[in-house]
Amino acid sequence: MKADPKAAHVAQEFTHDAPLITCRFDPTGRFIFATAEDRAILRWDLATGQKTVFTAHDSWVGALAFTPDGTTLVSAGYDDQLIWWPATAEKPAPVRKVKAHAGWIRALAVSKDGKQLASGGNDRVVKLWSLADGAPVREFPGHDRDVYSLLFHPSGQFLLSGDLKGQVHQWEIGSGKLARKFEGKDLHSYNGGQQVDFGGVRSLALTPDSKHLLAAGLHKATNPLGAVHEPIALRFEWESGKLLKSHISEDVKQGVLWRIIAHPDGPLIGCSGGGNGGFLLFWAADAEKPFHKFSLGNTAREMDLHPDGLQIATAHYDKKLRLTKLSPKPAAPAAAPAKKA
């Protein structure tokens, strides 16, 4: 069944005791994981709804990543730590802890072959680790501002990192050298009156054919501290680095694109959250404005797409994780015929 964004509907909700921060499906699609402001990591079994709580971080957990087989989870905290976990254990406990950065860790990514883990955050350094044992492999210094997003190129040759100033760095993994930069200046603003650097590359994605790179965040930040800004995703041609298009949503006046995903069926999916609530935004590849906007009812902070391509998880400030399905609602069962007297 192909995904139908216009059939989007919230099919299920999971609740916790504190506002949620981020979320990810495990690679098998059996579980949805989330993090919360009480420093917990949460795992819900999609079939049963059973919740399991992971605790070990001393601060909020901002990013999650998995080995390709889904057996190992790595969490990144604002406590500077990376923690390895047995993802499916009945009573999960840390396997390994690594003091990884000086400051918040904001982003994680795993290479396609599952051998390498990348991390980045407020110390402006991207680091590469062995996913198997947590050993450091390489560092990529060079960002002028905090690192917000990471993405491995499926070729295995490059690692991409996006920062607060809207810069996307393309690194050669083998040599550690900077290959080139993608200029996403529309994703950054500086407000002199408020003395605020604002925006940044909040999410990176490649289209399924790897021909286009997507960088998402916010623009038109006329009042950063007042949360007046609009969501935007920039589409670059991979080969040339040329900016091809900006995907915008002018009627969302207080939104940030926290995550951008190129769906295998073609549409671009964005998760917007801010002062005017949460939305899933859907764009055609060649369109500036979304063809569909789906309201989620509360401020959304992150999103992930299930391996089946039909379910979207969103983490919300109202302490709920919502599961949206991109397929028609099942028909209500027909009423039984009335019995004759």
Protein backbone atom coordinates (compact mmCIF):
# COMPACT_ATOMS: atom_id res chain seq x y z
CA MET A 1 0.00 0.00 0.00
CA LYS A 2 1.42 3.40 -0.95
CA ALA A 3 1.36 6.19 1.59
CA ASP A 4 -1.43 8.74 1.20
CA PRO A 5 -0.61 11.95 3.13
CA LYS A 6 -4.14 13.25 2.67
CA ALA A 7 -5.41 10.21 4.58
CA ALA A 8 -3.24 11.11 7.59
CA HIS A 9 -4.91 10.53 10.95
CA VAL A 10 -3.70 10.03 14.51
CA ALA A 11 -4.22 6.32 15.12
CA GLN A 12 -2.62 5.89 18.52
CA GLU A 13 -1.22 7.88 21.45
CA PHE A 14 1.29 6.91 24.14
CA THR A 15 1.63 9.00 27.30
CA HIS A 16 4.36 9.76 29.82
CA ASP A 17 4.76 11.88 32.96
CA ALA A 18 6.94 14.61 31.43
CA PRO A 19 7.15 16.51 28.12
CA LEU A 20 8.82 14.51 25.32
CA ILE A 21 11.90 15.67 23.42
CA THR A 22 12.76 13.32 20.57
CA CYS A 23 11.67 9.97 19.11
CA ARG A 24 12.89 7.17 16.85
CA PHE A 25 11.55 3.82 15.62
CA ASP A 26 13.94 0.93 16.02
CA PRO A 27 15.09 -0.55 12.67
CA THR A 28 12.84 -3.61 13.04
CA GLY A 29 9.74 -1.45 13.49
CA ARG A 30 8.69 -3.30 16.63
CA PHE A 31 9.30 -0.41 19.06
CA ILE A 32 9.06 3.34 19.23
CA PHE A 33 11.59 5.05 21.50
CA ALA A 34 11.34 8.56 22.94
CA THR A 35 13.11 10.78 25.46
CA ALA A 36 11.59 13.09 28.05
CA GLU A 37 12.35 16.07 30.27
CA ASP A 38 12.58 13.80 33.34
CA ARG A 39 15.85 12.44 31.76
CA ALA A 40 14.25 9.11 30.88
CA ILE A 41 14.39 7.11 27.68
CA LEU A 42 11.11 5.37 26.90
CA ARG A 43 10.37 2.29 24.81
CA TRP A 44 6.86 1.37 23.75
CA ASP A 45 6.02 -1.96 22.14
CA LEU A 46 3.78 -0.99 19.22
CA ALA A 47 1.82 -4.23 19.37
CA THR A 48 1.05 -4.24 23.09
CA GLY A 49 1.63 -0.65 24.20
CA GLN A 50 3.90 -1.84 27.01
CA LYS A 51 6.26 0.91 28.20
CA THR A 52 9.81 0.29 29.43
CA VAL A 53 11.90 3.07 31.01
CA PHE A 54 15.69 3.43 30.59
CA THR A 55 17.47 5.66 33.16
CA ALA A 56 21.14 6.61 33.43
CA HIS A 57 21.65 10.12 32.00
CA ASP A 58 22.14 13.11 34.30
CA SER A 59 20.36 15.50 31.93
CA TRP A 60 17.97 15.51 28.98
CA VAL A 61 18.63 13.08 26.14
CA GLY A 62 18.65 14.87 22.78
CA ALA A 63 19.41 12.12 20.27
CA LEU A 64 19.01 8.36 19.72
CA ALA A 65 20.64 5.96 17.26
CA PHE A 66 20.62 2.19 16.63
CA THR A 67 22.75 -0.55 15.18
CA PRO A 68 21.16 -1.71 11.89
CA ASP A 69 19.86 -4.92 13.49
CA GLY A 70 18.16 -2.95 16.27
CA THR A 71 19.86 -4.81 19.11
CA THR A 72 21.87 -1.85 20.42
CA LEU A 73 20.69 1.67 21.24
CA VAL A 74 23.02 4.64 21.71
CA SER A 75 21.71 7.72 23.50
CA ALA A 76 23.30 11.17 23.57
CA GLY A 77 22.73 13.47 26.52
CA TYR A 78 23.10 17.11 27.44
CA ASP A 79 25.32 15.64 30.18
CA ASP A 80 28.10 15.18 27.54
CA GLN A 81 27.68 11.39 27.58
CA LEU A 82 27.08 8.69 25.01
CA ILE A 83 25.49 5.56 26.51
CA TRP A 84 25.19 2.15 24.85
CA TRP A 85 22.12 0.04 25.77
CA PRO A 86 20.69 -3.41 24.95
CA ALA A 87 17.71 -2.06 23.02
CA THR A 88 15.33 -4.99 23.48
CA ALA A 89 16.20 -6.07 27.04
CA GLU A 90 13.37 -6.57 29.52
CA LYS A 91 15.33 -4.62 32.15
CA PRO A 92 17.79 -2.46 30.19
CA ALA A 93 20.98 -1.24 31.85
CA PRO A 94 23.92 0.66 30.33
CA VAL A 95 26.54 -1.44 28.57
CA ARG A 96 29.02 1.41 28.03
CA LYS A 97 29.34 5.11 28.90
CA VAL A 98 31.61 7.52 27.04
CA LYS A 99 32.35 11.13 27.99
CA ALA A 100 32.17 12.31 24.40
CA HIS A 101 31.94 16.12 24.15
CA ALA A 102 32.45 19.31 26.14
CA GLY A 103 28.84 20.44 26.25
CA TRP A 104 25.49 19.24 24.97
CA ILE A 105 25.44 16.44 22.42
CA ARG A 106 22.72 17.39 19.95
CA ALA A 107 23.02 14.90 17.08
CA LEU A 108 23.88 11.29 16.28
CA ALA A 109 24.13 9.31 13.05
CA VAL A 110 25.05 5.72 12.18
CA SER A 111 26.80 4.69 8.96
CA LYS A 112 24.97 2.45 6.51
CA ASP A 113 27.26 -0.50 7.29
CA GLY A 114 26.64 -0.06 11.02
CA LYS A 115 30.32 0.23 11.89
CA GLN A 116 30.58 3.92 12.73
CA LEU A 117 28.74 6.36 14.96
CA ALA A 118 28.99 10.14 14.53
CA SER A 119 28.21 12.70 17.23
CA GLY A 120 28.14 16.48 17.41
CA GLY A 121 26.99 19.30 19.63
CA ASN A 122 27.80 22.52 21.43
CA ASP A 123 31.59 22.14 21.39
CA ARG A 124 31.39 22.55 17.57
CA VAL A 125 33.37 19.35 16.93
CA VAL A 126 32.07 16.33 15.01
CA LYS A 127 33.42 13.04 16.33
CA LEU A 128 33.53 9.56 14.83
CA TRP A 129 33.36 6.43 16.99
CA SER A 130 33.47 2.68 16.55
CA LEU A 131 29.88 1.61 17.12
CA ALA A 132 31.01 -1.85 18.23
CA ASP A 133 33.17 -0.79 21.18
CA GLY A 134 32.93 3.01 21.54
CA ALA A 135 36.56 3.60 20.57
CA PRO A 136 37.30 7.07 19.09
CA VAL A 137 38.14 7.02 15.38
CA ARG A 138 38.46 10.62 14.16
CA GLU A 139 37.51 14.23 14.87
CA PHE A 140 36.26 16.83 12.40
CA PRO A 141 36.82 20.36 13.80
CA GLY A 142 35.88 23.44 11.83
CA HIS A 143 32.35 24.57 12.60
CA ASP A 144 31.95 28.16 13.82
CA ARG A 145 28.80 27.42 15.78
CA ASP A 146 27.04 24.52 17.53
CA VAL A 147 26.46 21.35 15.50
CA TYR A 148 22.75 20.50 15.25
CA SER A 149 22.49 17.69 12.68
CA LEU A 150 24.44 14.80 11.15
CA LEU A 151 23.99 12.48 8.17
CA PHE A 152 26.11 9.76 6.59
CA HIS A 153 26.10 9.62 2.79
CA PRO A 154 25.03 6.10 1.72
CA SER A 155 28.26 5.70 -0.30
CA GLY A 156 30.14 5.48 2.98
CA GLN A 157 32.65 8.11 1.79
CA PHE A 158 31.18 11.24 3.35
CA LEU A 159 29.70 12.57 6.57
CA LEU A 160 27.54 15.70 6.57
CA SER A 161 27.13 18.05 9.53
CA GLY A 162 24.90 21.12 9.87
CA ASP A 163 25.37 23.98 12.34
CA LEU A 164 23.67 27.02 13.87
CA LYS A 165 24.90 29.39 11.13
CA GLY A 166 23.24 27.34 8.38
CA GLN A 167 26.51 25.82 7.16
CA VAL A 168 26.54 22.19 6.01
CA HIS A 169 30.01 20.64 5.96
CA GLN A 170 30.76 17.62 3.80
CA TRP A 171 33.63 15.64 5.32
CA GLU A 172 35.76 12.92 3.75
CA ILE A 173 35.51 10.13 6.29
CA GLY A 174 38.74 8.42 5.25
CA SER A 175 40.98 11.48 5.42
CA GLY A 176 39.07 13.75 7.81
CA LYS A 177 39.31 16.59 5.29
CA LEU A 178 36.54 19.06 4.50
CA ALA A 179 35.40 18.32 0.94
CA ARG A 180 33.02 21.28 0.51
CA LYS A 181 30.29 23.34 2.14
CA PHE A 182 26.62 23.81 1.29
CA GLU A 183 25.53 27.37 2.04
CA GLY A 184 22.24 27.46 3.93
CA LYS A 185 22.36 31.09 5.07
CA ASP A 186 18.55 31.37 4.90
CA LEU A 187 18.43 29.03 7.91
CA HIS A 188 20.28 31.50 10.15
CA SER A 189 19.62 34.99 11.44
CA TYR A 190 21.23 37.33 13.92
CA ASN A 191 19.04 39.78 15.82
CA GLY A 192 21.21 42.67 16.96
CA GLY A 193 18.63 44.13 19.29
CA GLN A 194 18.13 40.86 21.13
CA GLN A 195 21.75 39.79 20.48
CA VAL A 196 20.55 36.35 19.45
CA ASP A 197 22.01 33.92 16.91
CA PHE A 198 18.98 31.98 15.80
CA GLY A 199 17.99 29.15 13.47
CA GLY A 200 20.40 26.53 12.24
CA VAL A 201 20.34 23.29 10.26
CA ARG A 202 17.99 21.33 12.49
CA SER A 203 17.75 18.31 10.17
CA LEU A 204 19.51 16.82 7.14
CA ALA A 205 18.19 14.25 4.66
CA LEU A 206 18.96 12.84 1.23
CA THR A 207 16.37 11.87 -1.34
CA PRO A 208 16.19 8.09 -1.99
CA ASP A 209 18.24 8.48 -5.20
CA SER A 210 20.84 10.63 -3.33
CA LYS A 211 20.57 13.34 -6.01
CA HIS A 212 19.24 16.01 -3.65
CA LEU A 213 20.30 17.10 -0.16
CA LEU A 214 17.71 18.64 2.16
CA ALA A 215 18.49 20.98 5.05
CA ALA A 216 15.67 22.13 7.32
CA GLY A 217 15.03 24.68 10.05
CA LEU A 218 13.43 28.12 10.18
CA HIS A 219 13.55 31.50 8.46
CA LYS A 220 11.95 34.97 8.69
CA ALA A 221 12.95 35.19 12.35
CA THR A 222 11.78 38.77 12.87
CA ASN A 223 11.45 38.22 16.63
CA PRO A 224 13.43 35.18 17.84
CA LEU A 225 12.63 35.58 21.52
CA GLY A 226 8.97 36.03 20.63
CA ALA A 227 9.04 32.86 18.53
CA VAL A 228 8.03 34.68 15.33
CA HIS A 229 9.49 32.63 12.47
CA GLU A 230 8.43 30.18 9.76
CA PRO A 231 9.53 26.63 8.79
CA ILE A 232 11.70 26.09 5.72
CA ALA A 233 13.61 23.29 3.99
CA LEU A 234 16.33 23.96 1.42
CA ARG A 235 16.82 21.54 -1.49
CA PHE A 236 20.35 21.31 -2.93
CA GLU A 237 21.55 19.41 -5.97
CA TRP A 238 24.13 16.97 -4.64
CA GLU A 239 26.42 16.94 -7.68
CA SER A 240 26.76 20.71 -8.09
CA GLY A 241 25.88 21.93 -4.60
CA LYS A 242 23.44 24.39 -6.17
CA LEU A 243 20.37 25.50 -4.21
CA LEU A 244 17.40 24.33 -6.28
CA LYS A 245 14.37 25.25 -4.20
CA SER A 246 13.05 26.43 -0.85
CA HIS A 247 10.11 24.50 0.60
CA ILE A 248 8.10 26.85 2.82
CA SER A 249 4.78 27.11 4.66
CA GLU A 250 3.78 30.77 4.97
CA ASP A 251 0.72 30.16 7.13
CA VAL A 252 2.77 28.58 9.96
CA LYS A 253 4.04 31.73 11.67
CA GLN A 254 5.70 30.18 14.73
CA GLY A 255 7.12 26.96 13.36
CA VAL A 256 10.49 25.23 13.14
CA LEU A 257 11.14 22.20 10.94
CA TRP A 258 12.68 19.92 13.53
CA ARG A 259 12.94 16.99 11.12
CA ILE A 260 12.80 16.52 7.35
CA ILE A 261 12.36 13.13 5.65
CA ALA A 262 12.21 12.27 1.95
CA HIS A 263 9.57 9.55 1.72
CA PRO A 264 10.41 6.61 -0.61
CA ASP A 265 7.13 7.29 -2.48
CA GLY A 266 8.24 10.82 -3.36
CA PRO A 267 6.75 13.39 -0.94
CA LEU A 268 8.86 15.43 1.42
CA ILE A 269 7.67 15.22 5.05
CA GLY A 270 8.42 17.92 7.59
CA CYS A 271 7.64 18.04 11.30
CA SER A 272 6.92 21.61 12.40
CA GLY A 273 6.50 22.66 16.01
CA GLY A 274 6.27 26.01 17.74
CA GLY A 275 3.98 28.53 19.31
CA ASN A 276 1.07 27.72 17.03
CA GLY A 277 1.17 23.97 17.63
CA GLY A 278 2.45 21.01 15.68
CA PHE A 279 2.02 20.04 12.04
CA LEU A 280 3.08 17.44 9.54
CA LEU A 281 3.80 19.25 6.28
CA PHE A 282 3.93 17.46 2.92
CA TRP A 283 5.58 18.87 -0.21
CA ALA A 284 5.94 17.58 -3.75
CA ALA A 285 9.57 17.56 -4.87
CA ASP A 286 9.08 20.45 -7.31
CA ALA A 287 6.73 22.56 -5.17
CA GLU A 288 7.47 25.55 -2.99
CA LYS A 289 4.36 25.21 -0.81
CA PRO A 290 2.94 22.08 0.85
CA PHE A 291 0.10 20.20 -0.80
CA HIS A 292 -1.13 19.03 2.60
CA LYS A 293 -0.85 20.25 6.18
CA PHE A 294 -1.95 17.96 9.01
CA SER A 295 -2.51 19.43 12.48
CA LEU A 296 -1.19 17.36 15.39
CA GLY A 297 -2.98 19.30 18.11
CA ASN A 298 0.05 20.17 20.25
CA THR A 299 3.61 21.47 19.90
CA ALA A 300 5.69 18.83 18.11
CA ARG A 301 9.39 18.48 18.87
CA GLU A 302 10.55 15.61 16.66
CA MET A 303 9.40 13.00 14.17
CA ASP A 304 10.37 9.65 12.70
CA LEU A 305 9.07 7.44 9.88
CA HIS A 306 8.34 3.76 10.49
CA PRO A 307 10.15 1.25 8.21
CA ASP A 308 6.77 0.46 6.61
CA GLY A 309 6.52 4.04 5.32
CA LEU A 310 2.93 4.34 6.58
CA GLN A 311 3.38 5.42 10.21
CA ILE A 312 4.86 8.62 11.58
CA ALA A 313 5.73 9.12 15.24
CA THR A 314 5.85 12.61 16.73
CA ALA A 315 7.10 13.62 20.20
CA HIS A 316 5.11 16.39 21.90
CA TYR A 317 5.35 18.90 24.71
CA ASP A 318 2.00 17.70 26.14
CA LYS A 319 3.72 14.45 27.29
CA LYS A 320 2.29 12.40 24.43
CA LEU A 321 3.78 10.47 21.56
CA ARG A 322 1.36 10.43 18.63
CA LEU A 323 1.34 7.77 15.93
CA THR A 324 -0.04 9.12 12.64
CA LYS A 325 -0.94 6.73 9.83
CA LEU A 326 -0.74 7.68 6.15
CA SER A 327 -3.38 5.18 5.09
CA PRO A 328 -7.18 5.28 5.12
CA LYS A 329 -8.92 4.56 8.40
CA PRO A 330 -10.33 1.04 8.52
CA ALA A 331 -14.02 0.93 7.75
CA ALA A 332 -16.32 0.64 10.73
CA PRO A 333 -17.87 -2.83 11.05
CA ALA A 334 -21.34 -3.07 9.61
CA ALA A 335 -24.17 -3.06 12.13
CA ALA A 336 -25.73 -6.43 12.77
CA PRO A 337 -29.23 -6.78 11.27
CA ALA A 338 -32.05 -6.31 13.73
CA LYS A 339 -33.60 -9.48 15.02
CA LYS A 340 -37.21 -10.15 14.14
CA ALA A 341 -39.64 -10.14 17.00
